Amino acid sequence: MNAKPYPIEIEPVDISAYKVGNTGVPYVTTFDSGTPGPHVMVMALTHGNELCG
């Protein structure tokens, strides 16, 4: 098969607005309800500003 590959022309989403956060660690934000209970961690981005799907 000699299929010619098509270029991927997608602009990455600008996530720089989330860099500041509130922990002193770039792109990390924490929320505290002030109420005792279970902890939850949500990670939405694994390898930086990476296009994947």
PDB file of N, CA and C in Angstrom:
ATOM      1  N   MET A   1       0.845  -1.168   0.000  1.00  0.00           N
ATOM      2  CA  MET A   1       0.000   0.000   0.000  1.00  0.00           C
ATOM      3  C   MET A   1       0.897   1.240   0.000  1.00  0.00           C
ATOM      4  N   ASN A   2       0.676   2.149  -0.914  1.00  0.00           N
ATOM      5  CA  ASN A   2       1.477   3.365  -1.028  1.00  0.00           C
ATOM      6  C   ASN A   2       0.654   4.607  -0.701  1.00  0.00           C
ATOM      7  N   ALA A   3      -0.097   4.556   0.360  1.00  0.00           N
ATOM      8  CA  ALA A   3      -0.918   5.706   0.739  1.00  0.00           C
ATOM      9  C   ALA A   3      -0.031   6.849   1.218  1.00  0.00           C
ATOM     10  N   LYS A   4      -0.279   8.024   0.679  1.00  0.00           N
ATOM     11  CA  LYS A   4       0.491   9.204   1.069  1.00  0.00           C
ATOM     12  C   LYS A   4      -0.075   9.747   2.387  1.00  0.00           C
ATOM     13  N   PRO A   5       0.771   9.931   3.404  1.00  0.00           N
ATOM     14  CA  PRO A   5       0.252  10.427   4.689  1.00  0.00           C
ATOM     15  C   PRO A   5      -0.195  11.886   4.581  1.00  0.00           C
ATOM     16  N   TYR A   6      -1.235  12.214   5.316  1.00  0.00           N
ATOM     17  CA  TYR A   6      -1.736  13.580   5.345  1.00  0.00           C
ATOM     18  C   TYR A   6      -1.104  14.314   6.528  1.00  0.00           C
ATOM     19  N   PRO A   7      -0.756  15.588   6.353  1.00  0.00           N
ATOM     20  CA  PRO A   7      -0.177  16.340   7.477  1.00  0.00           C
ATOM     21  C   PRO A   7      -1.229  16.603   8.555  1.00  0.00           C
ATOM     22  N   ILE A   8      -0.796  16.648   9.784  1.00  0.00           N
ATOM     23  CA  ILE A   8      -1.686  16.994  10.897  1.00  0.00           C
ATOM     24  C   ILE A   8      -1.501  18.480  11.163  1.00  0.00           C
ATOM     25  N   GLU A   9      -2.546  19.246  10.948  1.00  0.00           N
ATOM     26  CA  GLU A   9      -2.465  20.696  11.077  1.00  0.00           C
ATOM     27  C   GLU A   9      -3.419  21.171  12.165  1.00  0.00           C
ATOM     28  N   ILE A  10      -3.068  20.888  13.412  1.00  0.00           N
ATOM     29  CA  ILE A  10      -3.887  21.269  14.558  1.00  0.00           C
ATOM     30  C   ILE A  10      -3.051  22.175  15.454  1.00  0.00           C
ATOM     31  N   GLU A  11      -3.609  23.322  15.820  1.00  0.00           N
ATOM     32  CA  GLU A  11      -2.917  24.226  16.733  1.00  0.00           C
ATOM     33  C   GLU A  11      -3.159  23.763  18.171  1.00  0.00           C
ATOM     34  N   PRO A  12      -2.111  23.690  18.984  1.00  0.00           N
ATOM     35  CA  PRO A  12      -2.306  23.303  20.378  1.00  0.00           C
ATOM     36  C   PRO A  12      -3.091  24.369  21.144  1.00  0.00           C
ATOM     37  N   VAL A  13      -3.867  23.928  22.114  1.00  0.00           N
ATOM     38  CA  VAL A  13      -4.643  24.827  22.960  1.00  0.00           C
ATOM     39  C   VAL A  13      -3.690  25.548  23.909  1.00  0.00           C
ATOM     40  N   ASP A  14      -3.881  26.850  24.086  1.00  0.00           N
ATOM     41  CA  ASP A  14      -3.040  27.632  24.991  1.00  0.00           C
ATOM     42  C   ASP A  14      -3.501  27.403  26.429  1.00  0.00           C
ATOM     43  N   ILE A  15      -2.682  26.741  27.232  1.00  0.00           N
ATOM     44  CA  ILE A  15      -3.033  26.476  28.631  1.00  0.00           C
ATOM     45  C   ILE A  15      -2.246  27.362  29.592  1.00  0.00           C
ATOM     46  N   SER A  16      -1.591  28.391  29.081  1.00  0.00           N
ATOM     47  CA  SER A  16      -0.749  29.240  29.928  1.00  0.00           C
ATOM     48  C   SER A  16      -1.534  29.952  31.030  1.00  0.00           C
ATOM     49  N   ALA A  17      -2.829  30.140  30.862  1.00  0.00           N
ATOM     50  CA  ALA A  17      -3.645  30.785  31.896  1.00  0.00           C
ATOM     51  C   ALA A  17      -3.692  29.960  33.180  1.00  0.00           C
ATOM     52  N   TYR A  18      -3.406  28.671  33.102  1.00  0.00           N
ATOM     53  CA  TYR A  18      -3.462  27.787  34.273  1.00  0.00           C
ATOM     54  C   TYR A  18      -2.110  27.607  34.948  1.00  0.00           C
ATOM     55  N   LYS A  19      -1.059  28.249  34.425  1.00  0.00           N
ATOM     56  CA  LYS A  19       0.296  28.045  34.947  1.00  0.00           C
ATOM     57  C   LYS A  19       0.462  28.527  36.386  1.00  0.00           C
ATOM     58  N   VAL A  20      -0.161  29.638  36.754  1.00  0.00           N
ATOM     59  CA  VAL A  20       0.046  30.230  38.078  1.00  0.00           C
ATOM     60  C   VAL A  20      -0.431  29.312  39.199  1.00  0.00           C
ATOM     61  N   GLY A  21      -1.621  28.750  39.120  1.00  0.00           N
ATOM     62  CA  GLY A  21      -2.139  27.871  40.167  1.00  0.00           C
ATOM     63  C   GLY A  21      -2.179  28.563  41.522  1.00  0.00           C
ATOM     64  N   ASN A  22      -2.202  27.786  42.608  1.00  0.00           N
ATOM     65  CA  ASN A  22      -2.202  28.382  43.943  1.00  0.00           C
ATOM     66  C   ASN A  22      -1.325  27.594  44.917  1.00  0.00           C
ATOM     67  N   THR A  23      -0.388  26.815  44.379  1.00  0.00           N
ATOM     68  CA  THR A  23       0.441  25.969  45.242  1.00  0.00           C
ATOM     69  C   THR A  23       1.927  26.285  45.160  1.00  0.00           C
ATOM     70  N   GLY A  24       2.329  27.135  44.237  1.00  0.00           N
ATOM     71  CA  GLY A  24       3.744  27.380  44.012  1.00  0.00           C
ATOM     72  C   GLY A  24       4.344  26.420  43.001  1.00  0.00           C
ATOM     73  N   VAL A  25       3.564  25.446  42.556  1.00  0.00           N
ATOM     74  CA  VAL A  25       3.990  24.487  41.532  1.00  0.00           C
ATOM     75  C   VAL A  25       3.238  24.839  40.252  1.00  0.00           C
ATOM     76  N   PRO A  26       3.950  25.067  39.143  1.00  0.00           N
ATOM     77  CA  PRO A  26       3.262  25.452  37.909  1.00  0.00           C
ATOM     78  C   PRO A  26       2.170  24.457  37.505  1.00  0.00           C
ATOM     79  N   TYR A  27       1.021  24.991  37.144  1.00  0.00           N
ATOM     80  CA  TYR A  27      -0.135  24.230  36.649  1.00  0.00           C
ATOM     81  C   TYR A  27      -0.807  23.356  37.706  1.00  0.00           C
ATOM     82  N   VAL A  28      -0.516  23.555  38.982  1.00  0.00           N
ATOM     83  CA  VAL A  28      -1.156  22.771  40.046  1.00  0.00           C
ATOM     84  C   VAL A  28      -2.035  23.698  40.877  1.00  0.00           C
ATOM     85  N   THR A  29      -3.310  23.336  41.023  1.00  0.00           N
ATOM     86  CA  THR A  29      -4.264  24.091  41.829  1.00  0.00           C
ATOM     87  C   THR A  29      -4.902  23.132  42.821  1.00  0.00           C
ATOM     88  N   THR A  30      -5.095  23.602  44.046  1.00  0.00           N
ATOM     89  CA  THR A  30      -5.732  22.769  45.059  1.00  0.00           C
ATOM     90  C   THR A  30      -6.950  23.494  45.623  1.00  0.00           C
ATOM     91  N   PHE A  31      -7.958  22.744  46.004  1.00  0.00           N
ATOM     92  CA  PHE A  31      -9.175  23.280  46.607  1.00  0.00           C
ATOM     93  C   PHE A  31      -9.360  22.604  47.954  1.00  0.00           C
ATOM     94  N   ASP A  32      -9.769  23.376  48.962  1.00  0.00           N
ATOM     95  CA  ASP A  32      -9.999  22.830  50.304  1.00  0.00           C
ATOM     96  C   ASP A  32     -11.385  23.264  50.756  1.00  0.00           C
ATOM     97  N   SER A  33     -12.253  22.298  51.040  1.00  0.00           N
ATOM     98  CA  SER A  33     -13.613  22.614  51.468  1.00  0.00           C
ATOM     99  C   SER A  33     -13.662  23.043  52.924  1.00  0.00           C
ATOM    100  N   GLY A  34     -12.601  22.743  53.685  1.00  0.00           N
ATOM    101  CA  GLY A  34     -12.614  23.053  55.108  1.00  0.00           C
ATOM    102  C   GLY A  34     -13.390  22.034  55.922  1.00  0.00           C
ATOM    103  N   THR A  35     -13.860  20.991  55.276  1.00  0.00           N
ATOM    104  CA  THR A  35     -14.628  19.937  55.943  1.00  0.00           C
ATOM    105  C   THR A  35     -13.853  18.630  55.864  1.00  0.00           C
ATOM    106  N   PRO A  36     -13.741  17.892  56.994  1.00  0.00           N
ATOM    107  CA  PRO A  36     -13.040  16.606  56.941  1.00  0.00           C
ATOM    108  C   PRO A  36     -13.747  15.633  55.994  1.00  0.00           C
ATOM    109  N   GLY A  37     -12.973  14.798  55.350  1.00  0.00           N
ATOM    110  CA  GLY A  37     -13.564  13.803  54.456  1.00  0.00           C
ATOM    111  C   GLY A  37     -12.534  13.247  53.513  1.00  0.00           C
ATOM    112  N   PRO A  38     -12.980  12.443  52.558  1.00  0.00           N
ATOM    113  CA  PRO A  38     -12.047  11.814  51.624  1.00  0.00           C
ATOM    114  C   PRO A  38     -11.367  12.847  50.722  1.00  0.00           C
ATOM    115  N   HIS A  39     -10.204  12.480  50.223  1.00  0.00           N
ATOM    116  CA  HIS A  39      -9.451  13.316  49.298  1.00  0.00           C
ATOM    117  C   HIS A  39      -9.620  12.779  47.882  1.00  0.00           C
ATOM    118  N   VAL A  40      -9.629  13.673  46.929  1.00  0.00           N
ATOM    119  CA  VAL A  40      -9.768  13.299  45.521  1.00  0.00           C
ATOM    120  C   VAL A  40      -8.702  14.031  44.720  1.00  0.00           C
ATOM    121  N   MET A  41      -8.074  13.327  43.789  1.00  0.00           N
ATOM    122  CA  MET A  41      -7.144  13.973  42.879  1.00  0.00           C
ATOM    123  C   MET A  41      -7.651  13.768  41.455  1.00  0.00           C
ATOM    124  N   VAL A  42      -7.733  14.844  40.708  1.00  0.00           N
ATOM    125  CA  VAL A  42      -8.142  14.775  39.308  1.00  0.00           C
ATOM    126  C   VAL A  42      -6.976  15.269  38.468  1.00  0.00           C
ATOM    127  N   MET A  43      -6.501  14.423  37.564  1.00  0.00           N
ATOM    128  CA  MET A  43      -5.414  14.816  36.672  1.00  0.00           C
ATOM    129  C   MET A  43      -5.964  14.805  35.252  1.00  0.00           C
ATOM    130  N   ALA A  44      -5.959  15.979  34.628  1.00  0.00           N
ATOM    131  CA  ALA A  44      -6.543  16.092  33.299  1.00  0.00           C
ATOM    132  C   ALA A  44      -5.499  16.161  32.194  1.00  0.00           C
ATOM    133  N   LEU A  45      -4.261  16.376  32.555  1.00  0.00           N
ATOM    134  CA  LEU A  45      -3.209  16.511  31.564  1.00  0.00           C
ATOM    135  C   LEU A  45      -2.011  15.706  32.037  1.00  0.00           C
ATOM    136  N   THR A  46      -1.544  14.772  31.228  1.00  0.00           N
ATOM    137  CA  THR A  46      -0.504  13.859  31.681  1.00  0.00           C
ATOM    138  C   THR A  46       0.897  14.285  31.289  1.00  0.00           C
ATOM    139  N   HIS A  47       1.136  14.634  30.055  1.00  0.00           N
ATOM    140  CA  HIS A  47       2.498  14.904  29.587  1.00  0.00           C
ATOM    141  C   HIS A  47       2.681  16.339  29.118  1.00  0.00           C
ATOM    142  N   GLY A  48       2.049  17.287  29.773  1.00  0.00           N
ATOM    143  CA  GLY A  48       2.193  18.673  29.356  1.00  0.00           C
ATOM    144  C   GLY A  48       1.193  19.034  28.279  1.00  0.00           C
ATOM    145  N   ASN A  49       1.508  20.041  27.520  1.00  0.00           N
ATOM    146  CA  ASN A  49       0.607  20.530  26.480  1.00  0.00           C
ATOM    147  C   ASN A  49       0.752  19.647  25.236  1.00  0.00           C
ATOM    148  N   GLU A  50       0.254  18.444  25.341  1.00  0.00           N
ATOM    149  CA  GLU A  50       0.450  17.413  24.320  1.00  0.00           C
ATOM    150  C   GLU A  50      -0.853  17.131  23.582  1.00  0.00           C
ATOM    151  N   LEU A  51      -0.793  17.104  22.270  1.00  0.00           N
ATOM    152  CA  LEU A  51      -1.966  16.726  21.486  1.00  0.00           C
ATOM    153  C   LEU A  51      -2.061  15.214  21.428  1.00  0.00           C
ATOM    154  N   CYS A  52      -3.172  14.674  21.857  1.00  0.00           N
ATOM    155  CA  CYS A  52      -3.365  13.223  21.783  1.00  0.00           C
ATOM    156  C   CYS A  52      -4.857  12.953  21.675  1.00  0.00           C
ATOM    157  N   GLY A  53      -5.196  11.758  21.292  1.00  0.00           N
ATOM    158  CA  GLY A  53      -6.615  11.471  21.188  1.00  0.00           C
ATOM    159  C   GLY A  53      -6.887  10.094  20.727  1.00  0.00           C
TER     160      GLY A  53
END
